[in-house]
Amino acid sequence: MQLGKGFSIQYVSKRLGHADITTTLSIYSHLLEESQKQEENKTLEVLRSM
């Protein structure tokens, strides 16, 4: 899935042909949560290395 690879929700929504971005968000929000956790972990790693 493109969301898991860093594509924006807007891009994915358009590519899937969803008329409204809320459709995409309701279906794929769990992938956004996973991405957020990964970004938080990366941030912590950078801060710890300083």
PDB file of N, CA and C in Angstrom:
ATOM      1  N   MET A   1       0.843  -1.178   0.000  1.00  0.00           N
ATOM      2  CA  MET A   1       0.000   0.000   0.000  1.00  0.00           C
ATOM      3  C   MET A   1       0.884   1.235   0.000  1.00  0.00           C
ATOM      4  N   GLN A   2       0.490   2.219  -0.758  1.00  0.00           N
ATOM      5  CA  GLN A   2       1.278   3.430  -0.931  1.00  0.00           C
ATOM      6  C   GLN A   2       1.427   4.240   0.347  1.00  0.00           C
ATOM      7  N   LEU A   3       0.427   4.194   1.212  1.00  0.00           N
ATOM      8  CA  LEU A   3       0.531   4.960   2.459  1.00  0.00           C
ATOM      9  C   LEU A   3       1.682   4.469   3.312  1.00  0.00           C
ATOM     10  N   GLY A   4       1.884   3.182   3.338  1.00  0.00           N
ATOM     11  CA  GLY A   4       2.972   2.619   4.115  1.00  0.00           C
ATOM     12  C   GLY A   4       4.338   2.938   3.550  1.00  0.00           C
ATOM     13  N   LYS A   5       4.363   3.470   2.330  1.00  0.00           N
ATOM     14  CA  LYS A   5       5.630   3.795   1.681  1.00  0.00           C
ATOM     15  C   LYS A   5       5.871   5.292   1.606  1.00  0.00           C
ATOM     16  N   GLY A   6       5.063   6.054   2.363  1.00  0.00           N
ATOM     17  CA  GLY A   6       5.324   7.482   2.469  1.00  0.00           C
ATOM     18  C   GLY A   6       4.524   8.380   1.539  1.00  0.00           C
ATOM     19  N   PHE A   7       3.611   7.865   0.759  1.00  0.00           N
ATOM     20  CA  PHE A   7       2.792   8.705  -0.093  1.00  0.00           C
ATOM     21  C   PHE A   7       1.748   9.423   0.756  1.00  0.00           C
ATOM     22  N   SER A   8       1.367  10.601   0.335  1.00  0.00           N
ATOM     23  CA  SER A   8       0.382  11.371   1.101  1.00  0.00           C
ATOM     24  C   SER A   8      -1.009  10.763   0.966  1.00  0.00           C
ATOM     25  N   ILE A   9      -1.831  11.012   1.966  1.00  0.00           N
ATOM     26  CA  ILE A   9      -3.203  10.521   1.954  1.00  0.00           C
ATOM     27  C   ILE A   9      -3.982  11.144   0.791  1.00  0.00           C
ATOM     28  N   GLN A  10      -3.671  12.392   0.456  1.00  0.00           N
ATOM     29  CA  GLN A  10      -4.341  13.053  -0.652  1.00  0.00           C
ATOM     30  C   GLN A  10      -4.041  12.345  -1.974  1.00  0.00           C
ATOM     31  N   TYR A  11      -2.771  12.001  -2.172  1.00  0.00           N
ATOM     32  CA  TYR A  11      -2.368  11.316  -3.403  1.00  0.00           C
ATOM     33  C   TYR A  11      -3.038   9.949  -3.511  1.00  0.00           C
ATOM     34  N   VAL A  12      -3.015   9.206  -2.426  1.00  0.00           N
ATOM     35  CA  VAL A  12      -3.602   7.870  -2.421  1.00  0.00           C
ATOM     36  C   VAL A  12      -5.102   7.943  -2.681  1.00  0.00           C
ATOM     37  N   SER A  13      -5.765   8.882  -2.045  1.00  0.00           N
ATOM     38  CA  SER A  13      -7.204   9.049  -2.231  1.00  0.00           C
ATOM     39  C   SER A  13      -7.542   9.308  -3.694  1.00  0.00           C
ATOM     40  N   LYS A  14      -6.788  10.187  -4.302  1.00  0.00           N
ATOM     41  CA  LYS A  14      -7.017  10.511  -5.714  1.00  0.00           C
ATOM     42  C   LYS A  14      -6.756   9.304  -6.604  1.00  0.00           C
ATOM     43  N   ARG A  15      -5.658   8.594  -6.348  1.00  0.00           N
ATOM     44  CA  ARG A  15      -5.308   7.417  -7.159  1.00  0.00           C
ATOM     45  C   ARG A  15      -6.346   6.300  -7.033  1.00  0.00           C
ATOM     46  N   LEU A  16      -6.950   6.178  -5.855  1.00  0.00           N
ATOM     47  CA  LEU A  16      -7.968   5.150  -5.647  1.00  0.00           C
ATOM     48  C   LEU A  16      -9.331   5.570  -6.197  1.00  0.00           C
ATOM     49  N   GLY A  17      -9.450   6.832  -6.580  1.00  0.00           N
ATOM     50  CA  GLY A  17     -10.695   7.312  -7.155  1.00  0.00           C
ATOM     51  C   GLY A  17     -11.763   7.632  -6.131  1.00  0.00           C
ATOM     52  N   HIS A  18     -11.355   7.833  -4.883  1.00  0.00           N
ATOM     53  CA  HIS A  18     -12.329   8.189  -3.859  1.00  0.00           C
ATOM     54  C   HIS A  18     -12.803   9.622  -4.088  1.00  0.00           C
ATOM     55  N   ALA A  19     -14.105   9.813  -4.031  1.00  0.00           N
ATOM     56  CA  ALA A  19     -14.672  11.137  -4.243  1.00  0.00           C
ATOM     57  C   ALA A  19     -14.346  12.078  -3.090  1.00  0.00           C
ATOM     58  N   ASP A  20     -14.113  11.512  -1.930  1.00  0.00           N
ATOM     59  CA  ASP A  20     -13.871  12.307  -0.732  1.00  0.00           C
ATOM     60  C   ASP A  20     -12.742  11.664   0.061  1.00  0.00           C
ATOM     61  N   ILE A  21     -11.833  12.491   0.560  1.00  0.00           N
ATOM     62  CA  ILE A  21     -10.685  11.979   1.300  1.00  0.00           C
ATOM     63  C   ILE A  21     -11.099  11.268   2.590  1.00  0.00           C
ATOM     64  N   THR A  22     -12.271  11.605   3.122  1.00  0.00           N
ATOM     65  CA  THR A  22     -12.709  10.945   4.351  1.00  0.00           C
ATOM     66  C   THR A  22     -12.942   9.453   4.135  1.00  0.00           C
ATOM     67  N   THR A  23     -13.289   9.080   2.919  1.00  0.00           N
ATOM     68  CA  THR A  23     -13.431   7.657   2.598  1.00  0.00           C
ATOM     69  C   THR A  23     -12.095   6.963   2.771  1.00  0.00           C
ATOM     70  N   THR A  24     -11.062   7.546   2.210  1.00  0.00           N
ATOM     71  CA  THR A  24      -9.721   6.970   2.310  1.00  0.00           C
ATOM     72  C   THR A  24      -9.270   6.915   3.760  1.00  0.00           C
ATOM     73  N   LEU A  25      -9.498   7.988   4.484  1.00  0.00           N
ATOM     74  CA  LEU A  25      -9.096   8.031   5.891  1.00  0.00           C
ATOM     75  C   LEU A  25      -9.809   6.974   6.727  1.00  0.00           C
ATOM     76  N   SER A  26     -11.082   6.768   6.464  1.00  0.00           N
ATOM     77  CA  SER A  26     -11.820   5.784   7.267  1.00  0.00           C
ATOM     78  C   SER A  26     -11.349   4.363   6.996  1.00  0.00           C
ATOM     79  N   ILE A  27     -10.902   4.110   5.786  1.00  0.00           N
ATOM     80  CA  ILE A  27     -10.462   2.757   5.418  1.00  0.00           C
ATOM     81  C   ILE A  27      -9.011   2.502   5.831  1.00  0.00           C
ATOM     82  N   TYR A  28      -8.159   3.499   5.666  1.00  0.00           N
ATOM     83  CA  TYR A  28      -6.724   3.284   5.816  1.00  0.00           C
ATOM     84  C   TYR A  28      -6.091   4.017   7.001  1.00  0.00           C
ATOM     85  N   SER A  29      -6.881   4.501   7.933  1.00  0.00           N
ATOM     86  CA  SER A  29      -6.322   5.270   9.047  1.00  0.00           C
ATOM     87  C   SER A  29      -5.324   4.462   9.873  1.00  0.00           C
ATOM     88  N   HIS A  30      -5.497   3.152   9.953  1.00  0.00           N
ATOM     89  CA  HIS A  30      -4.554   2.335  10.722  1.00  0.00           C
ATOM     90  C   HIS A  30      -3.146   2.404  10.138  1.00  0.00           C
ATOM     91  N   LEU A  31      -3.038   2.556   8.823  1.00  0.00           N
ATOM     92  CA  LEU A  31      -1.716   2.678   8.208  1.00  0.00           C
ATOM     93  C   LEU A  31      -1.076   4.012   8.557  1.00  0.00           C
ATOM     94  N   LEU A  32      -1.891   5.045   8.674  1.00  0.00           N
ATOM     95  CA  LEU A  32      -1.353   6.344   9.069  1.00  0.00           C
ATOM     96  C   LEU A  32      -0.835   6.298  10.498  1.00  0.00           C
ATOM     97  N   GLU A  33      -1.541   5.584  11.358  1.00  0.00           N
ATOM     98  CA  GLU A  33      -1.103   5.452  12.747  1.00  0.00           C
ATOM     99  C   GLU A  33       0.232   4.713  12.815  1.00  0.00           C
ATOM    100  N   GLU A  34       0.392   3.675  12.003  1.00  0.00           N
ATOM    101  CA  GLU A  34       1.658   2.938  11.967  1.00  0.00           C
ATOM    102  C   GLU A  34       2.785   3.832  11.488  1.00  0.00           C
ATOM    103  N   SER A  35       2.524   4.635  10.462  1.00  0.00           N
ATOM    104  CA  SER A  35       3.535   5.543   9.941  1.00  0.00           C
ATOM    105  C   SER A  35       3.934   6.569  10.991  1.00  0.00           C
ATOM    106  N   GLN A  36       2.966   7.059  11.730  1.00  0.00           N
ATOM    107  CA  GLN A  36       3.254   8.036  12.775  1.00  0.00           C
ATOM    108  C   GLN A  36       4.158   7.426  13.845  1.00  0.00           C
ATOM    109  N   LYS A  37       3.885   6.193  14.230  1.00  0.00           N
ATOM    110  CA  LYS A  37       4.724   5.524  15.224  1.00  0.00           C
ATOM    111  C   LYS A  37       6.150   5.373  14.708  1.00  0.00           C
ATOM    112  N   GLN A  38       6.302   5.031  13.439  1.00  0.00           N
ATOM    113  CA  GLN A  38       7.637   4.890  12.859  1.00  0.00           C
ATOM    114  C   GLN A  38       8.371   6.220  12.849  1.00  0.00           C
ATOM    115  N   GLU A  39       7.660   7.294  12.507  1.00  0.00           N
ATOM    116  CA  GLU A  39       8.273   8.615  12.498  1.00  0.00           C
ATOM    117  C   GLU A  39       8.679   9.047  13.900  1.00  0.00           C
ATOM    118  N   GLU A  40       7.849   8.740  14.890  1.00  0.00           N
ATOM    119  CA  GLU A  40       8.191   9.062  16.269  1.00  0.00           C
ATOM    120  C   GLU A  40       9.446   8.309  16.706  1.00  0.00           C
ATOM    121  N   ASN A  41       9.547   7.050  16.324  1.00  0.00           N
ATOM    122  CA  ASN A  41      10.735   6.264  16.660  1.00  0.00           C
ATOM    123  C   ASN A  41      11.979   6.833  16.001  1.00  0.00           C
ATOM    124  N   LYS A  42      11.865   7.253  14.748  1.00  0.00           N
ATOM    125  CA  LYS A  42      13.002   7.851  14.045  1.00  0.00           C
ATOM    126  C   LYS A  42      13.427   9.139  14.747  1.00  0.00           C
ATOM    127  N   THR A  43      12.455   9.928  15.152  1.00  0.00           N
ATOM    128  CA  THR A  43      12.751  11.181  15.848  1.00  0.00           C
ATOM    129  C   THR A  43      13.491  10.914  17.147  1.00  0.00           C
ATOM    130  N   LEU A  44      13.024   9.940  17.901  1.00  0.00           N
ATOM    131  CA  LEU A  44      13.693   9.594  19.157  1.00  0.00           C
ATOM    132  C   LEU A  44      15.126   9.120  18.913  1.00  0.00           C
ATOM    133  N   GLU A  45      15.328   8.350  17.859  1.00  0.00           N
ATOM    134  CA  GLU A  45      16.680   7.883  17.538  1.00  0.00           C
ATOM    135  C   GLU A  45      17.599   9.057  17.237  1.00  0.00           C
ATOM    136  N   VAL A  46      17.114  10.030  16.481  1.00  0.00           N
ATOM    137  CA  VAL A  46      17.920  11.194  16.146  1.00  0.00           C
ATOM    138  C   VAL A  46      18.240  12.002  17.391  1.00  0.00           C
ATOM    139  N   LEU A  47      17.248  12.201  18.238  1.00  0.00           N
ATOM    140  CA  LEU A  47      17.472  12.970  19.457  1.00  0.00           C
ATOM    141  C   LEU A  47      18.457  12.277  20.391  1.00  0.00           C
ATOM    142  N   ARG A  48      18.371  10.976  20.455  1.00  0.00           N
ATOM    143  CA  ARG A  48      19.297  10.235  21.322  1.00  0.00           C
ATOM    144  C   ARG A  48      20.737  10.281  20.805  1.00  0.00           C
ATOM    145  N   SER A  49      20.888  10.401  19.509  1.00  0.00           N
ATOM    146  CA  SER A  49      22.234  10.401  18.932  1.00  0.00           C
ATOM    147  C   SER A  49      22.910  11.768  19.032  1.00  0.00           C
ATOM    148  N   MET A  50      22.200  12.770  19.501  1.00  0.00           N
ATOM    149  CA  MET A  50      22.772  14.119  19.593  1.00  0.00           C
ATOM    150  C   MET A  50      23.655  14.270  20.795  1.00  0.00           C
TER     151      MET A  50
END
